[in-house]
Amino acid sequence: MAQTKQKRFIMRTVILAVLVLAIVYTIFNNATKEKVAVLSIGDEAPDFTLVDLNGEEHRLSDYKGQGVFLNFWGTWCKPCVKEMPAMDRQYEIYKEQGVQILAVNIAQSDFEVERFASQYGLDFPIVIDKTKSVLEAYNIDPLPSTLLINPDGKIEQIIRGEMTEQDIAGFMEQIRPE
């Protein structure tokens, strides 16, 4: 009987110790976590390099002098699916006027993204943020989110949520170089 009580005591002590360690670890981890600055209108857009579906690198800073319609999306995101064809139609109109679309997919497989792009006949560059580092640098939440970057590389506007084709056309006009 005494032996059973002793085993129970040891087991409870071990469980309690594990819980205390977990709590201490969580508090320490949150206290030392690197804080990501929230981007605002007028801030310099953080530079990044990602690879598109054709294996070509796209560096945001290479687009300086052009307006960039930076869209964060996922194939599973219903509003993203709705706005992609409209973005493609507006891209065809504005790409010759110095406005580029860079669609950043969030960590999906090349196969999923290629199938999606083919299904909707998308012609603008689609890159995949496999490590979610760009998502974190831009503090993106929710999807879709779009940042309008002016020809000087500054954030002109931040749009969270679905856009209509009319919205997209107006936003592209807003960042079109003069």
N, C-alpha and C. Protein backbone atom coordinates (compact mmCIF):
# COMPACT_ATOMS: atom_id res chain seq x y z
N MET A 1 0.81 -1.19 0.00
CA MET A 1 0.00 0.00 0.00
C MET A 1 0.87 1.26 0.00
N ALA A 2 1.85 1.31 0.88
CA ALA A 2 2.74 2.46 0.97
C ALA A 2 3.54 2.62 -0.33
N GLN A 3 3.87 1.47 -0.93
CA GLN A 3 4.63 1.51 -2.18
C GLN A 3 3.78 2.14 -3.29
N THR A 4 2.50 1.84 -3.37
CA THR A 4 1.59 2.40 -4.37
C THR A 4 1.46 3.91 -4.18
N LYS A 5 1.34 4.36 -2.92
CA LYS A 5 1.25 5.79 -2.63
C LYS A 5 2.53 6.50 -3.05
N GLN A 6 3.66 5.85 -2.81
CA GLN A 6 4.94 6.45 -3.19
C GLN A 6 5.05 6.58 -4.71
N LYS A 7 4.62 5.55 -5.45
CA LYS A 7 4.64 5.59 -6.92
C LYS A 7 3.74 6.71 -7.44
N ARG A 8 2.54 6.82 -6.83
CA ARG A 8 1.61 7.87 -7.22
C ARG A 8 2.21 9.25 -6.96
N PHE A 9 2.85 9.42 -5.83
CA PHE A 9 3.49 10.68 -5.47
C PHE A 9 4.59 11.03 -6.49
N ILE A 10 5.42 10.06 -6.84
CA ILE A 10 6.50 10.29 -7.81
C ILE A 10 5.91 10.66 -9.16
N MET A 11 4.87 9.94 -9.59
CA MET A 11 4.25 10.21 -10.89
C MET A 11 3.65 11.63 -10.91
N ARG A 12 2.97 12.01 -9.86
CA ARG A 12 2.38 13.34 -9.78
C ARG A 12 3.46 14.42 -9.77
N THR A 13 4.54 14.15 -9.08
CA THR A 13 5.65 15.10 -9.03
C THR A 13 6.26 15.28 -10.42
N VAL A 14 6.44 14.20 -11.15
CA VAL A 14 7.00 14.27 -12.51
C VAL A 14 6.06 15.06 -13.42
N ILE A 15 4.77 14.78 -13.36
CA ILE A 15 3.80 15.49 -14.19
C ILE A 15 3.80 16.98 -13.86
N LEU A 16 3.81 17.30 -12.60
CA LEU A 16 3.84 18.70 -12.17
C LEU A 16 5.11 19.39 -12.67
N ALA A 17 6.26 18.71 -12.58
CA ALA A 17 7.53 19.28 -13.05
C ALA A 17 7.48 19.55 -14.55
N VAL A 18 6.90 18.62 -15.32
CA VAL A 18 6.79 18.80 -16.78
C VAL A 18 5.90 20.01 -17.08
N LEU A 19 4.79 20.14 -16.38
CA LEU A 19 3.90 21.29 -16.58
C LEU A 19 4.59 22.60 -16.25
N VAL A 20 5.33 22.63 -15.14
CA VAL A 20 6.04 23.85 -14.75
C VAL A 20 7.08 24.20 -15.81
N LEU A 21 7.82 23.21 -16.30
CA LEU A 21 8.81 23.46 -17.35
C LEU A 21 8.14 24.00 -18.61
N ALA A 22 6.99 23.44 -19.00
CA ALA A 22 6.29 23.90 -20.19
C ALA A 22 5.85 25.35 -20.04
N ILE A 23 5.36 25.70 -18.87
CA ILE A 23 4.93 27.08 -18.63
C ILE A 23 6.12 28.02 -18.66
N VAL A 24 7.21 27.66 -18.02
CA VAL A 24 8.41 28.50 -18.02
C VAL A 24 8.94 28.66 -19.44
N TYR A 25 8.98 27.59 -20.22
CA TYR A 25 9.44 27.66 -21.60
C TYR A 25 8.56 28.61 -22.42
N THR A 26 7.25 28.51 -22.27
CA THR A 26 6.33 29.36 -23.02
C THR A 26 6.53 30.83 -22.67
N ILE A 27 6.65 31.13 -21.40
CA ILE A 27 6.87 32.51 -20.97
C ILE A 27 8.20 33.03 -21.51
N PHE A 28 9.25 32.24 -21.39
CA PHE A 28 10.57 32.64 -21.89
C PHE A 28 10.54 32.86 -23.39
N ASN A 29 9.92 31.94 -24.12
CA ASN A 29 9.85 32.02 -25.58
C ASN A 29 9.10 33.27 -26.02
N ASN A 30 7.98 33.59 -25.39
CA ASN A 30 7.22 34.78 -25.75
C ASN A 30 7.95 36.06 -25.38
N ALA A 31 8.68 36.05 -24.28
CA ALA A 31 9.39 37.25 -23.83
C ALA A 31 10.58 37.56 -24.73
N THR A 32 11.20 36.55 -25.30
CA THR A 32 12.39 36.77 -26.12
C THR A 32 12.11 36.72 -27.61
N LYS A 33 10.86 36.50 -27.98
CA LYS A 33 10.51 36.40 -29.41
C LYS A 33 10.78 37.73 -30.10
N GLU A 34 11.36 37.65 -31.30
CA GLU A 34 11.63 38.85 -32.07
C GLU A 34 10.31 39.43 -32.56
N LYS A 35 10.10 40.68 -32.28
CA LYS A 35 8.87 41.35 -32.69
C LYS A 35 9.04 41.85 -34.13
N VAL A 36 8.03 41.56 -34.96
CA VAL A 36 8.04 42.02 -36.35
C VAL A 36 7.29 43.35 -36.39
N ALA A 37 7.93 44.35 -36.94
CA ALA A 37 7.30 45.66 -37.02
C ALA A 37 6.12 45.61 -37.99
N VAL A 38 5.06 46.28 -37.62
CA VAL A 38 3.90 46.36 -38.49
C VAL A 38 4.18 47.44 -39.53
N LEU A 39 3.96 47.09 -40.80
CA LEU A 39 4.21 48.03 -41.88
C LEU A 39 3.06 49.01 -42.00
N SER A 40 3.39 50.23 -42.41
CA SER A 40 2.40 51.29 -42.58
C SER A 40 2.56 51.93 -43.94
N ILE A 41 1.54 52.67 -44.30
CA ILE A 41 1.59 53.44 -45.55
C ILE A 41 2.76 54.42 -45.44
N GLY A 42 3.55 54.49 -46.52
CA GLY A 42 4.71 55.37 -46.54
C GLY A 42 6.01 54.65 -46.21
N ASP A 43 5.93 53.47 -45.60
CA ASP A 43 7.14 52.69 -45.29
C ASP A 43 7.76 52.13 -46.57
N GLU A 44 9.06 51.92 -46.51
CA GLU A 44 9.77 51.23 -47.60
C GLU A 44 9.33 49.77 -47.56
N ALA A 45 8.94 49.23 -48.72
CA ALA A 45 8.52 47.83 -48.78
C ALA A 45 9.75 46.94 -48.58
N PRO A 46 9.70 46.01 -47.62
CA PRO A 46 10.86 45.13 -47.40
C PRO A 46 11.20 44.34 -48.67
N ASP A 47 12.47 44.29 -49.00
CA ASP A 47 12.92 43.57 -50.19
C ASP A 47 12.91 42.07 -49.92
N PHE A 48 12.69 41.30 -50.95
CA PHE A 48 12.72 39.84 -50.86
C PHE A 48 13.00 39.28 -52.23
N THR A 49 13.41 38.03 -52.25
CA THR A 49 13.60 37.30 -53.51
C THR A 49 12.87 35.98 -53.39
N LEU A 50 11.99 35.70 -54.34
CA LEU A 50 11.28 34.43 -54.40
C LEU A 50 11.33 33.91 -55.83
N VAL A 51 11.09 32.62 -55.97
CA VAL A 51 11.18 31.96 -57.28
C VAL A 51 9.78 31.69 -57.80
N ASP A 52 9.59 31.95 -59.11
CA ASP A 52 8.28 31.71 -59.72
C ASP A 52 8.16 30.27 -60.22
N LEU A 53 7.03 29.97 -60.85
CA LEU A 53 6.75 28.61 -61.31
C LEU A 53 7.66 28.16 -62.45
N ASN A 54 8.34 29.12 -63.11
CA ASN A 54 9.28 28.78 -64.18
C ASN A 54 10.72 28.71 -63.69
N GLY A 55 10.91 28.85 -62.38
CA GLY A 55 12.26 28.79 -61.81
C GLY A 55 13.01 30.10 -61.86
N GLU A 56 12.35 31.20 -62.26
CA GLU A 56 12.99 32.51 -62.34
C GLU A 56 12.86 33.23 -61.00
N GLU A 57 13.94 33.92 -60.60
CA GLU A 57 13.92 34.69 -59.36
C GLU A 57 13.26 36.04 -59.58
N HIS A 58 12.49 36.46 -58.61
CA HIS A 58 11.88 37.79 -58.62
C HIS A 58 12.29 38.48 -57.34
N ARG A 59 13.02 39.59 -57.50
CA ARG A 59 13.44 40.41 -56.36
C ARG A 59 12.60 41.68 -56.41
N LEU A 60 11.95 42.00 -55.31
CA LEU A 60 11.07 43.16 -55.29
C LEU A 60 11.80 44.42 -55.74
N SER A 61 13.03 44.60 -55.29
CA SER A 61 13.78 45.82 -55.63
C SER A 61 14.06 45.94 -57.13
N ASP A 62 14.00 44.84 -57.87
CA ASP A 62 14.18 44.90 -59.33
C ASP A 62 13.02 45.61 -60.01
N TYR A 63 11.91 45.79 -59.32
CA TYR A 63 10.73 46.44 -59.90
C TYR A 63 10.69 47.94 -59.60
N LYS A 64 11.74 48.47 -58.99
CA LYS A 64 11.76 49.91 -58.68
C LYS A 64 11.55 50.69 -59.98
N GLY A 65 10.77 51.73 -59.90
CA GLY A 65 10.43 52.52 -61.09
C GLY A 65 9.09 52.10 -61.68
N GLN A 66 8.56 50.97 -61.20
CA GLN A 66 7.25 50.48 -61.64
C GLN A 66 6.36 50.38 -60.41
N GLY A 67 5.06 50.39 -60.63
CA GLY A 67 4.14 50.13 -59.54
C GLY A 67 4.05 48.62 -59.36
N VAL A 68 3.96 48.17 -58.13
CA VAL A 68 3.85 46.73 -57.87
C VAL A 68 2.58 46.47 -57.06
N PHE A 69 1.78 45.58 -57.60
CA PHE A 69 0.55 45.11 -56.97
C PHE A 69 0.93 43.79 -56.31
N LEU A 70 1.29 43.84 -55.03
CA LEU A 70 1.83 42.68 -54.31
C LEU A 70 0.68 41.98 -53.58
N ASN A 71 0.29 40.81 -54.11
CA ASN A 71 -0.88 40.09 -53.61
C ASN A 71 -0.46 38.80 -52.92
N PHE A 72 -0.95 38.59 -51.70
CA PHE A 72 -0.69 37.36 -50.93
C PHE A 72 -1.95 36.52 -50.97
N TRP A 73 -1.78 35.23 -51.31
CA TRP A 73 -2.96 34.39 -51.56
C TRP A 73 -2.68 32.91 -51.34
N GLY A 74 -3.75 32.11 -51.40
CA GLY A 74 -3.65 30.65 -51.34
C GLY A 74 -4.74 30.04 -52.21
N THR A 75 -4.51 28.87 -52.75
CA THR A 75 -5.49 28.23 -53.64
C THR A 75 -6.75 27.83 -52.90
N TRP A 76 -6.67 27.62 -51.60
CA TRP A 76 -7.80 27.21 -50.78
C TRP A 76 -8.67 28.38 -50.35
N CYS A 77 -8.20 29.59 -50.56
CA CYS A 77 -8.85 30.83 -50.12
C CYS A 77 -9.90 31.24 -51.16
N LYS A 78 -11.18 31.13 -50.79
CA LYS A 78 -12.27 31.43 -51.73
C LYS A 78 -12.22 32.85 -52.29
N PRO A 79 -12.02 33.89 -51.46
CA PRO A 79 -11.92 35.24 -52.03
C PRO A 79 -10.73 35.39 -52.99
N CYS A 80 -9.63 34.68 -52.69
CA CYS A 80 -8.46 34.73 -53.58
C CYS A 80 -8.84 34.17 -54.95
N VAL A 81 -9.54 33.05 -54.95
CA VAL A 81 -9.95 32.39 -56.19
C VAL A 81 -10.83 33.34 -57.00
N LYS A 82 -11.72 34.07 -56.34
CA LYS A 82 -12.64 34.98 -57.03
C LYS A 82 -11.91 36.16 -57.68
N GLU A 83 -10.87 36.68 -57.01
CA GLU A 83 -10.23 37.89 -57.54
C GLU A 83 -9.11 37.62 -58.55
N MET A 84 -8.59 36.41 -58.59
CA MET A 84 -7.46 36.11 -59.49
C MET A 84 -7.77 36.37 -60.97
N PRO A 85 -8.89 35.89 -61.52
CA PRO A 85 -9.17 36.19 -62.93
C PRO A 85 -9.27 37.69 -63.22
N ALA A 86 -9.85 38.44 -62.29
CA ALA A 86 -9.95 39.90 -62.46
C ALA A 86 -8.56 40.53 -62.43
N MET A 87 -7.71 40.06 -61.54
CA MET A 87 -6.33 40.56 -61.48
C MET A 87 -5.63 40.30 -62.80
N ASP A 88 -5.84 39.11 -63.38
CA ASP A 88 -5.19 38.77 -64.64
C ASP A 88 -5.66 39.69 -65.77
N ARG A 89 -6.95 39.95 -65.82
CA ARG A 89 -7.47 40.84 -66.87
C ARG A 89 -6.88 42.24 -66.72
N GLN A 90 -6.79 42.76 -65.51
CA GLN A 90 -6.22 44.09 -65.29
C GLN A 90 -4.71 44.11 -65.53
N TYR A 91 -4.06 43.00 -65.26
CA TYR A 91 -2.62 42.90 -65.54
C TYR A 91 -2.36 43.08 -67.03
N GLU A 92 -3.20 42.47 -67.85
CA GLU A 92 -3.04 42.60 -69.31
C GLU A 92 -3.15 44.06 -69.75
N ILE A 93 -3.97 44.83 -69.07
CA ILE A 93 -4.15 46.25 -69.40
C ILE A 93 -2.99 47.09 -68.88
N TYR A 94 -2.56 46.85 -67.65
CA TYR A 94 -1.61 47.74 -66.98
C TYR A 94 -0.14 47.35 -67.09
N LYS A 95 0.18 46.13 -67.51
CA LYS A 95 1.60 45.73 -67.52
C LYS A 95 2.42 46.60 -68.47
N GLU A 96 1.82 47.04 -69.57
CA GLU A 96 2.55 47.90 -70.52
C GLU A 96 2.64 49.34 -70.02
N GLN A 97 1.90 49.64 -68.96
CA GLN A 97 1.90 51.00 -68.40
C GLN A 97 2.78 51.08 -67.15
N GLY A 98 3.55 50.02 -66.88
CA GLY A 98 4.49 50.05 -65.77
C GLY A 98 3.95 49.57 -64.44
N VAL A 99 2.86 48.79 -64.47
CA VAL A 99 2.32 48.23 -63.24
C VAL A 99 2.48 46.71 -63.31
N GLN A 100 3.15 46.14 -62.33
CA GLN A 100 3.38 44.70 -62.30
C GLN A 100 2.60 44.06 -61.16
N ILE A 101 2.18 42.83 -61.40
CA ILE A 101 1.57 42.04 -60.32
C ILE A 101 2.61 41.02 -59.89
N LEU A 102 2.75 40.86 -58.61
CA LEU A 102 3.56 39.79 -58.05
C LEU A 102 2.67 39.09 -57.03
N ALA A 103 2.22 37.89 -57.39
CA ALA A 103 1.30 37.12 -56.55
C ALA A 103 2.13 36.15 -55.71
N VAL A 104 2.07 36.31 -54.39
CA VAL A 104 2.86 35.49 -53.47
C VAL A 104 1.96 34.43 -52.86
N ASN A 105 2.17 33.18 -53.28
CA ASN A 105 1.42 32.06 -52.69
C ASN A 105 2.09 31.68 -51.38
N ILE A 106 1.26 31.30 -50.43
CA ILE A 106 1.77 31.00 -49.09
C ILE A 106 2.00 29.50 -48.92
N ALA A 107 3.23 29.07 -49.16
CA ALA A 107 3.75 27.75 -48.79
C ALA A 107 2.97 26.54 -49.32
N GLN A 108 2.41 26.65 -50.51
CA GLN A 108 1.77 25.48 -51.10
C GLN A 108 2.75 24.81 -52.06
N SER A 109 2.42 23.61 -52.50
CA SER A 109 3.32 22.88 -53.39
C SER A 109 3.29 23.49 -54.79
N ASP A 110 4.39 23.31 -55.51
CA ASP A 110 4.46 23.77 -56.90
C ASP A 110 3.31 23.18 -57.71
N PHE A 111 3.00 21.90 -57.48
CA PHE A 111 1.95 21.22 -58.22
C PHE A 111 0.60 21.91 -58.02
N GLU A 112 0.25 22.20 -56.77
CA GLU A 112 -1.04 22.85 -56.48
C GLU A 112 -1.14 24.21 -57.15
N VAL A 113 -0.07 24.98 -57.06
CA VAL A 113 -0.07 26.34 -57.60
C VAL A 113 -0.08 26.31 -59.12
N GLU A 114 0.72 25.42 -59.73
CA GLU A 114 0.72 25.30 -61.19
C GLU A 114 -0.64 24.89 -61.72
N ARG A 115 -1.27 23.93 -61.04
CA ARG A 115 -2.61 23.48 -61.46
C ARG A 115 -3.61 24.63 -61.39
N PHE A 116 -3.54 25.40 -60.31
CA PHE A 116 -4.43 26.56 -60.14
C PHE A 116 -4.20 27.59 -61.24
N ALA A 117 -2.94 27.95 -61.48
CA ALA A 117 -2.60 28.95 -62.50
C ALA A 117 -3.06 28.50 -63.89
N SER A 118 -2.90 27.22 -64.19
CA SER A 118 -3.35 26.69 -65.48
C SER A 118 -4.86 26.72 -65.59
N GLN A 119 -5.53 26.32 -64.53
CA GLN A 119 -6.99 26.27 -64.52
C GLN A 119 -7.59 27.65 -64.82
N TYR A 120 -6.97 28.72 -64.30
CA TYR A 120 -7.50 30.06 -64.50
C TYR A 120 -6.76 30.85 -65.58
N GLY A 121 -5.76 30.24 -66.23
CA GLY A 121 -5.03 30.90 -67.32
C GLY A 121 -4.32 32.17 -66.87
N LEU A 122 -3.68 32.13 -65.71
CA LEU A 122 -3.03 33.32 -65.15
C LEU A 122 -1.68 33.57 -65.81
N ASP A 123 -1.44 34.82 -66.22
CA ASP A 123 -0.20 35.16 -66.92
C ASP A 123 0.78 35.97 -66.08
N PHE A 124 0.34 36.53 -64.96
CA PHE A 124 1.24 37.34 -64.14
C PHE A 124 2.17 36.43 -63.32
N PRO A 125 3.30 36.95 -62.87
CA PRO A 125 4.24 36.14 -62.10
C PRO A 125 3.65 35.67 -60.77
N ILE A 126 3.78 34.38 -60.52
CA ILE A 126 3.34 33.78 -59.26
C ILE A 126 4.57 33.17 -58.61
N VAL A 127 4.85 33.61 -57.39
CA VAL A 127 5.98 33.08 -56.63
C VAL A 127 5.43 32.38 -55.40
N ILE A 128 6.23 31.46 -54.84
CA ILE A 128 5.79 30.70 -53.67
C ILE A 128 6.72 31.01 -52.50
N ASP A 129 6.11 31.45 -51.41
CA ASP A 129 6.84 31.76 -50.18
C ASP A 129 6.86 30.48 -49.33
N LYS A 130 7.77 29.57 -49.67
CA LYS A 130 7.81 28.24 -49.05
C LYS A 130 8.09 28.28 -47.55
N THR A 131 8.87 29.24 -47.09
CA THR A 131 9.22 29.31 -45.67
C THR A 131 8.36 30.31 -44.89
N LYS A 132 7.47 30.98 -45.57
CA LYS A 132 6.58 32.01 -44.99
C LYS A 132 7.37 33.21 -44.45
N SER A 133 8.60 33.39 -44.90
CA SER A 133 9.41 34.51 -44.41
C SER A 133 8.89 35.85 -44.92
N VAL A 134 8.39 35.89 -46.15
CA VAL A 134 7.85 37.13 -46.70
C VAL A 134 6.52 37.44 -46.03
N LEU A 135 5.71 36.42 -45.82
CA LEU A 135 4.44 36.56 -45.10
C LEU A 135 4.69 37.21 -43.73
N GLU A 136 5.71 36.74 -43.03
CA GLU A 136 6.04 37.27 -41.70
C GLU A 136 6.61 38.68 -41.79
N ALA A 137 7.47 38.92 -42.77
CA ALA A 137 8.07 40.26 -42.92
C ALA A 137 7.01 41.32 -43.19
N TYR A 138 5.97 40.94 -43.91
CA TYR A 138 4.89 41.87 -44.24
C TYR A 138 3.72 41.79 -43.26
N ASN A 139 3.82 40.92 -42.27
CA ASN A 139 2.78 40.77 -41.25
C ASN A 139 1.40 40.54 -41.88
N ILE A 140 1.32 39.59 -42.79
CA ILE A 140 0.09 39.36 -43.54
C ILE A 140 -0.90 38.52 -42.76
N ASP A 141 -2.10 39.07 -42.65
CA ASP A 141 -3.23 38.35 -42.07
C ASP A 141 -4.44 39.24 -42.30
N PRO A 142 -5.47 38.83 -42.89
CA PRO A 142 -5.80 37.52 -43.44
C PRO A 142 -5.40 37.44 -44.91
N LEU A 143 -5.76 36.33 -45.54
CA LEU A 143 -5.64 36.20 -46.99
C LEU A 143 -7.03 36.43 -47.58
N PRO A 144 -7.12 37.04 -48.73
CA PRO A 144 -6.05 37.72 -49.45
C PRO A 144 -5.71 39.06 -48.81
N SER A 145 -4.48 39.46 -48.99
CA SER A 145 -4.02 40.80 -48.63
C SER A 145 -3.17 41.31 -49.77
N THR A 146 -3.30 42.59 -50.05
CA THR A 146 -2.57 43.18 -51.16
C THR A 146 -1.93 44.48 -50.70
N LEU A 147 -0.69 44.68 -51.10
CA LEU A 147 0.00 45.93 -50.83
C LEU A 147 0.26 46.61 -52.16
N LEU A 148 -0.06 47.89 -52.23
CA LEU A 148 0.25 48.68 -53.41
C LEU A 148 1.57 49.37 -53.15
N ILE A 149 2.54 49.10 -54.01
CA ILE A 149 3.88 49.66 -53.84
C ILE A 149 4.13 50.61 -55.00
N ASN A 150 4.43 51.85 -54.68
CA ASN A 150 4.61 52.87 -55.71
C ASN A 150 5.97 52.71 -56.39
N PRO A 151 6.20 53.43 -57.50
CA PRO A 151 7.47 53.29 -58.23
C PRO A 151 8.72 53.59 -57.40
N ASP A 152 8.57 54.31 -56.28
CA ASP A 152 9.72 54.61 -55.41
C ASP A 152 9.98 53.49 -54.40
N GLY A 153 9.14 52.44 -54.41
CA GLY A 153 9.34 51.31 -53.50
C GLY A 153 8.67 51.51 -52.15
N LYS A 154 7.79 52.49 -52.04
CA LYS A 154 7.10 52.77 -50.78
C LYS A 154 5.68 52.18 -50.82
N ILE A 155 5.20 51.78 -49.64
CA ILE A 155 3.85 51.23 -49.55
C ILE A 155 2.84 52.36 -49.66
N GLU A 156 2.00 52.25 -50.66
CA GLU A 156 1.00 53.27 -50.95
C GLU A 156 -0.33 52.96 -50.24
N GLN A 157 -0.66 51.67 -50.20
CA GLN A 157 -1.92 51.27 -49.57
C GLN A 157 -1.84 49.78 -49.20
N ILE A 158 -2.60 49.39 -48.16
CA ILE A 158 -2.70 48.00 -47.74
C ILE A 158 -4.17 47.61 -47.79
N ILE A 159 -4.48 46.58 -48.56
CA ILE A 159 -5.85 46.13 -48.72
C ILE A 159 -5.98 44.73 -48.13
N ARG A 160 -6.89 44.57 -47.20
CA ARG A 160 -7.13 43.26 -46.60
C ARG A 160 -8.49 42.77 -47.07
N GLY A 161 -8.51 41.57 -47.63
CA GLY A 161 -9.78 41.01 -48.09
C GLY A 161 -9.93 41.08 -49.59
N GLU A 162 -11.08 40.60 -50.04
CA GLU A 162 -11.38 40.46 -51.46
C GLU A 162 -11.60 41.82 -52.13
N MET A 163 -11.17 41.90 -53.40
CA MET A 163 -11.35 43.10 -54.21
C MET A 163 -12.20 42.77 -55.42
N THR A 164 -12.96 43.75 -55.88
CA THR A 164 -13.70 43.59 -57.14
C THR A 164 -12.76 43.97 -58.28
N GLU A 165 -13.17 43.69 -59.50
CA GLU A 165 -12.35 44.06 -60.65
C GLU A 165 -12.22 45.58 -60.74
N GLN A 166 -13.28 46.29 -60.39
CA GLN A 166 -13.25 47.75 -60.41
C GLN A 166 -12.24 48.26 -59.37
N ASP A 167 -12.21 47.65 -58.19
CA ASP A 167 -11.23 48.01 -57.16
C ASP A 167 -9.81 47.81 -57.70
N ILE A 168 -9.58 46.65 -58.30
CA ILE A 168 -8.25 46.31 -58.81
C ILE A 168 -7.79 47.32 -59.84
N ALA A 169 -8.68 47.68 -60.77
CA ALA A 169 -8.34 48.67 -61.81
C ALA A 169 -7.98 50.01 -61.16
N GLY A 170 -8.75 50.43 -60.17
CA GLY A 170 -8.47 51.69 -59.49
C GLY A 170 -7.14 51.66 -58.76
N PHE A 171 -6.84 50.52 -58.12
CA PHE A 171 -5.57 50.39 -57.39
C PHE A 171 -4.39 50.41 -58.36
N MET A 172 -4.52 49.75 -59.49
CA MET A 172 -3.42 49.74 -60.47
C MET A 172 -3.20 51.14 -61.04
N GLU A 173 -4.29 51.85 -61.24
CA GLU A 173 -4.19 53.23 -61.73
C GLU A 173 -3.45 54.08 -60.68
N GLN A 174 -3.72 53.83 -59.43
CA GLN A 174 -3.12 54.59 -58.33
C GLN A 174 -1.60 54.43 -58.29
N ILE A 175 -1.06 53.28 -58.66
CA ILE A 175 0.40 53.06 -58.58
C ILE A 175 1.09 53.11 -59.94
N ARG A 176 0.33 53.47 -60.96
CA ARG A 176 0.91 53.56 -62.31
C ARG A 176 1.92 54.71 -62.36
N PRO A 177 3.12 54.45 -62.87
CA PRO A 177 4.12 55.54 -62.98
C PRO A 177 3.60 56.63 -63.92
N GLU A 178 3.99 57.86 -63.62
CA GLU A 178 3.53 58.98 -64.47
C GLU A 178 4.47 59.23 -65.61
